[in-house]
């Protein structure tokens, strides 16, 4: 989840209670209930609430376990980029304005963040964003076909610093394979993190996926310079001033 999201009140052991195992004698790609988020508390302010009422009908999409008619919901045919976990949506809005030729399908479960992006879209006239307030995993599985995405953005997902919580990290082998299968040939996956151990895990997981190829030159240790279209967030700017690193990875579907 993007660092712009409010802090989580969820006990560290909470999603262990939701663990599931596959029935004996069967195989399952995930042995636990996998979500693309951890639900966090946050107050939806009056401006964000008004944005839901005023702009929600225009930009919000309802989840349904049926294929999404992308051209219809955007009103045009254009390259489709999926963003998973956009926090308060500031960077997402800037990227969409920088790339008006692309459509951005954005997934976030936190109401304040969705309200904030709705406000930016409505007041800024940003027409190439549509938003699901729903788990991106279910949107991928039930509404988008394989070879349907031109790109995927996941910026600053929760690093789950403690070793015993690494299993909760979003970037794991099964999920990356799922993303890769949803990309079109030459489509790209762009990840960014400010936590070096997570960056190293991301690099290892993506490098092991046979459907993906790293765009970084051999001399770069696997990471790429920040692409121009990704703006610096307030959190990132603050970290850079303190000497913290940020790592970007861009892989393409082969």
Protein backbone atom coordinates (compact mmCIF):
# COMPACT_ATOMS: atom_id res chain seq x y z
CA UNK A 1 0.00 0.00 0.00
CA UNK A 2 1.22 3.48 -0.78
CA UNK A 3 2.88 5.31 2.12
CA UNK A 4 0.34 8.11 1.72
CA UNK A 5 -2.21 5.83 3.41
CA UNK A 6 -2.97 6.38 7.11
CA UNK A 7 -1.32 4.08 9.66
CA UNK A 8 -2.83 0.69 10.25
CA UNK A 9 -4.53 -0.09 13.56
CA UNK A 10 -4.77 -3.73 12.61
CA UNK A 11 -2.99 -6.08 15.07
CA UNK A 12 0.09 -7.62 13.55
CA UNK A 13 -1.35 -11.10 13.91
CA UNK A 14 -4.79 -10.26 12.53
CA UNK A 15 -4.59 -11.70 9.05
CA UNK A 16 -3.06 -14.93 10.37
CA UNK A 17 -6.54 -15.63 11.66
CA UNK A 18 -7.75 -15.66 8.07
CA UNK A 19 -5.19 -18.23 6.92
CA UNK A 20 -6.58 -21.04 4.83
CA UNK A 21 -5.07 -24.22 3.51
CA UNK A 22 -5.97 -26.15 0.41
CA UNK A 23 -7.98 -29.36 0.92
CA UNK A 24 -5.88 -32.48 1.17
CA UNK A 25 -4.94 -33.84 -2.21
CA UNK A 26 -5.52 -30.56 -4.06
CA UNK A 27 -3.21 -27.81 -5.24
CA UNK A 28 -3.79 -24.11 -4.83
CA UNK A 29 -1.64 -21.23 -6.06
CA UNK A 30 -2.12 -19.47 -2.71
CA UNK A 31 -2.32 -21.33 0.59
CA UNK A 32 -3.69 -18.28 2.38
CA UNK A 33 -6.37 -15.73 1.60
CA UNK A 34 -4.31 -13.32 -0.50
CA UNK A 35 -5.30 -9.69 -0.67
CA UNK A 36 -3.53 -6.75 -2.28
CA UNK A 37 -3.98 -4.65 0.85
CA UNK A 38 -4.29 -4.48 4.62
CA UNK A 39 -7.38 -2.54 5.65
CA UNK A 40 -6.46 0.63 7.50
CA UNK A 41 -8.48 3.11 9.49
CA UNK A 42 -8.92 6.61 8.19
CA UNK A 43 -11.47 9.37 8.44
CA UNK A 44 -13.20 10.46 5.27
CA UNK A 45 -13.36 14.24 5.44
CA UNK A 46 -16.30 16.33 4.27
CA UNK A 47 -14.52 17.29 1.02
CA UNK A 48 -13.80 13.67 0.23
CA UNK A 49 -17.39 12.71 1.06
CA UNK A 50 -18.69 15.38 -1.28
CA UNK A 51 -16.34 14.02 -3.95
CA UNK A 52 -17.94 10.59 -3.56
CA UNK A 53 -21.37 12.11 -4.06
CA UNK A 54 -20.44 14.51 -6.85
CA UNK A 55 -17.84 12.57 -8.81
CA UNK A 56 -18.34 8.94 -7.78
CA UNK A 57 -20.95 8.20 -10.46
CA UNK A 58 -18.51 9.48 -13.08
CA UNK A 59 -15.25 7.83 -12.03
CA UNK A 60 -16.07 4.92 -9.66
CA UNK A 61 -16.60 1.42 -11.03
CA UNK A 62 -18.52 -1.31 -9.26
CA UNK A 63 -16.85 -4.66 -8.78
CA UNK A 64 -18.71 -7.61 -10.31
CA UNK A 65 -17.42 -11.11 -11.12
CA UNK A 66 -17.85 -10.55 -14.86
CA UNK A 67 -15.56 -9.26 -17.64
CA UNK A 68 -15.11 -5.48 -17.70
CA UNK A 69 -15.85 -3.66 -20.95
CA UNK A 70 -12.85 -1.34 -20.69
CA UNK A 71 -13.53 0.65 -23.86
CA UNK A 72 -17.06 1.43 -22.68
CA UNK A 73 -16.17 2.55 -19.16
CA UNK A 74 -13.47 4.90 -20.50
CA UNK A 75 -15.41 5.93 -23.57
CA UNK A 76 -12.48 5.20 -25.84
CA UNK A 77 -9.86 2.60 -26.75
CA UNK A 78 -6.38 3.37 -25.39
CA UNK A 79 -3.48 1.59 -23.66
CA UNK A 80 -4.60 0.34 -20.24
CA UNK A 81 -2.44 0.81 -17.14
CA UNK A 82 -3.47 -0.68 -13.80
CA UNK A 83 -2.34 0.97 -10.57
CA UNK A 84 -2.57 -1.04 -7.36
CA UNK A 85 -2.72 0.89 -4.08
CA UNK A 86 -2.60 4.61 -4.87
CA UNK A 87 -2.76 6.00 -1.33
CA UNK A 88 -4.20 9.52 -1.46
CA UNK A 89 -3.94 9.61 -5.24
CA UNK A 90 -1.73 12.66 -5.78
CA UNK A 91 0.92 10.83 -7.80
CA UNK A 92 -1.73 8.91 -9.72
CA UNK A 93 -3.44 12.11 -10.80
CA UNK A 94 -0.14 13.62 -11.93
CA UNK A 95 0.80 10.54 -13.95
CA UNK A 96 -2.60 10.48 -15.67
CA UNK A 97 -2.27 14.16 -16.58
CA UNK A 98 1.26 13.56 -17.87
CA UNK A 99 0.05 10.65 -20.01
CA UNK A 100 -3.35 11.64 -21.41
CA UNK A 101 -2.98 9.08 -24.19
CA UNK A 102 -3.31 6.21 -21.65
CA UNK A 103 -6.21 4.91 -19.56
CA UNK A 104 -5.57 4.29 -15.85
CA UNK A 105 -7.55 1.68 -13.94
CA UNK A 106 -6.82 2.29 -10.26
CA UNK A 107 -7.55 0.04 -7.27
CA UNK A 108 -7.59 1.22 -3.67
CA UNK A 109 -9.70 0.06 -0.71
CA UNK A 110 -9.27 3.00 1.66
CA UNK A 111 -12.20 5.40 1.49
CA UNK A 112 -10.26 8.61 2.25
CA UNK A 113 -7.76 7.89 -0.53
CA UNK A 114 -10.49 7.09 -3.03
CA UNK A 115 -12.34 10.26 -2.05
CA UNK A 116 -9.16 12.30 -2.45
CA UNK A 117 -8.52 10.95 -5.96
CA UNK A 118 -12.16 11.47 -6.93
CA UNK A 119 -11.81 15.10 -5.88
CA UNK A 120 -8.62 15.50 -7.95
CA UNK A 121 -10.24 13.88 -10.99
CA UNK A 122 -13.44 15.87 -10.80
CA UNK A 123 -11.96 19.27 -10.04
CA UNK A 124 -8.99 18.76 -12.37
CA UNK A 125 -10.96 17.39 -15.31
CA UNK A 126 -8.87 14.20 -15.40
CA UNK A 127 -10.87 11.99 -17.76
CA UNK A 128 -8.50 9.02 -18.16
CA UNK A 129 -8.87 7.54 -14.65
CA UNK A 130 -11.42 5.03 -13.40
CA UNK A 131 -11.38 3.72 -9.83
CA UNK A 132 -12.28 0.47 -8.12
CA UNK A 133 -12.71 0.67 -4.35
CA UNK A 134 -12.02 -3.04 -4.24
CA UNK A 135 -9.24 -5.59 -3.93
CA UNK A 136 -7.10 -5.56 -7.07
CA UNK A 137 -6.59 -9.33 -6.91
CA UNK A 138 -10.31 -9.96 -7.41
CA UNK A 139 -10.50 -7.35 -10.15
CA UNK A 140 -7.66 -9.12 -11.96
CA UNK A 141 -9.12 -12.57 -11.48
CA UNK A 142 -12.72 -11.87 -12.41
CA UNK A 143 -12.90 -8.70 -14.51
CA UNK A 144 -9.71 -8.54 -16.60
CA UNK A 145 -8.49 -11.21 -18.98
CA UNK A 146 -4.95 -12.34 -19.53
CA UNK A 147 -2.97 -10.23 -22.03
CA UNK A 148 -5.24 -7.26 -21.28
CA UNK A 149 -2.91 -4.74 -19.61
CA UNK A 150 -0.27 -2.52 -21.17
CA UNK A 151 1.28 -1.76 -17.80
CA UNK A 152 1.01 -2.19 -14.03
CA UNK A 153 2.16 0.32 -11.39
CA UNK A 154 2.75 -0.63 -7.75
CA UNK A 155 4.44 2.20 -5.88
CA UNK A 156 5.61 1.89 -2.27
CA UNK A 157 3.65 -1.17 -1.15
CA UNK A 158 3.80 -1.98 2.55
CA UNK A 159 7.30 -3.46 3.16
CA UNK A 160 6.31 -5.45 6.28
CA UNK A 161 9.70 -4.89 7.86
CA UNK A 162 9.76 -7.75 10.37
CA UNK A 163 11.01 -11.10 9.05
CA UNK A 164 8.04 -13.02 10.39
CA UNK A 165 5.73 -10.74 8.40
CA UNK A 166 7.49 -11.03 5.04
CA UNK A 167 4.85 -13.57 3.97
CA UNK A 168 2.38 -10.67 3.93
CA UNK A 169 4.28 -8.71 1.31
CA UNK A 170 2.35 -8.20 -1.88
CA UNK A 171 5.26 -8.95 -4.20
CA UNK A 172 5.46 -12.75 -4.04
CA UNK A 173 6.03 -15.33 -6.78
CA UNK A 174 2.38 -16.36 -7.38
CA UNK A 175 1.13 -12.77 -7.54
CA UNK A 176 3.90 -11.67 -9.89
CA UNK A 177 3.09 -14.57 -12.20
CA UNK A 178 -0.54 -13.50 -12.14
CA UNK A 179 0.42 -9.94 -13.07
CA UNK A 180 2.75 -11.15 -15.83
CA UNK A 181 -0.01 -13.25 -17.40
CA UNK A 182 -2.31 -10.23 -17.46
CA UNK A 183 0.26 -8.13 -19.31
CA UNK A 184 0.29 -7.93 -23.07
CA UNK A 185 3.54 -8.82 -24.84
CA UNK A 186 5.93 -5.90 -24.23
CA UNK A 187 3.67 -4.62 -21.46
CA UNK A 188 5.54 -3.48 -18.38
CA UNK A 189 5.50 -3.87 -14.60
CA UNK A 190 6.85 -0.88 -12.66
CA UNK A 191 7.52 -1.24 -8.92
CA UNK A 192 9.05 1.26 -6.53
CA UNK A 193 10.05 1.00 -2.86
CA UNK A 194 12.12 2.93 -0.35
CA UNK A 195 13.02 -0.17 1.70
CA UNK A 196 16.19 -1.80 0.36
CA UNK A 197 15.55 -5.35 1.66
CA UNK A 198 12.15 -5.30 -0.03
CA UNK A 199 13.72 -3.91 -3.20
CA UNK A 200 16.13 -6.84 -3.21
CA UNK A 201 13.27 -9.31 -2.70
CA UNK A 202 11.29 -7.66 -5.49
CA UNK A 203 14.26 -7.95 -7.81
CA UNK A 204 14.73 -11.62 -6.97
CA UNK A 205 11.05 -12.47 -7.46
CA UNK A 206 10.71 -10.59 -10.74
CA UNK A 207 14.00 -11.95 -12.09
CA UNK A 208 12.81 -15.52 -11.43
CA UNK A 209 9.57 -15.03 -13.41
CA UNK A 210 10.14 -16.50 -16.91
CA UNK A 211 7.45 -14.28 -18.46
CA UNK A 212 9.32 -11.11 -17.49
CA UNK A 213 12.58 -9.47 -18.58
CA UNK A 214 14.44 -6.73 -16.73
CA UNK A 215 14.85 -3.45 -18.63
CA UNK A 216 17.76 -2.34 -16.43
CA UNK A 217 21.25 -2.45 -17.97
CA UNK A 218 23.61 -5.08 -16.63
CA UNK A 219 25.75 -2.44 -14.94
CA UNK A 220 22.85 -1.10 -12.81
CA UNK A 221 22.48 -4.02 -10.37
CA UNK A 222 18.95 -4.62 -11.66
CA UNK A 223 17.34 -1.25 -10.86
CA UNK A 224 16.46 1.63 -13.17
CA UNK A 225 16.51 5.41 -12.71
CA UNK A 226 13.13 6.82 -11.72
CA UNK A 227 11.08 7.11 -14.93
CA UNK A 228 10.14 10.70 -15.71
CA UNK A 229 6.41 9.98 -15.49
CA UNK A 230 6.58 8.94 -11.81
CA UNK A 231 6.48 12.08 -9.66
CA UNK A 232 8.22 12.36 -6.33
CA UNK A 233 5.76 12.01 -3.45
CA UNK A 234 5.98 14.13 -0.30
CA UNK A 235 7.06 11.02 1.60
CA UNK A 236 9.73 10.23 -0.98
CA UNK A 237 11.05 13.79 -1.01
CA UNK A 238 11.32 13.73 2.76
CA UNK A 239 13.21 10.44 2.67
CA UNK A 240 15.61 11.59 -0.01
CA UNK A 241 16.48 14.68 2.03
CA UNK A 242 17.33 12.33 4.91
CA UNK A 243 19.57 10.26 2.65
CA UNK A 244 17.17 7.36 2.18
CA UNK A 245 17.25 5.49 -1.12
CA UNK A 246 14.42 4.71 -3.52
CA UNK A 247 14.56 1.75 -5.90
CA UNK A 248 12.58 1.47 -9.15
CA UNK A 249 12.19 -1.76 -11.11
CA UNK A 250 10.74 -1.98 -14.61
CA UNK A 251 10.26 -5.40 -16.19
CA UNK A 252 8.51 -6.19 -19.49
CA UNK A 253 6.45 -9.15 -20.60
CA UNK A 254 8.35 -11.34 -23.06
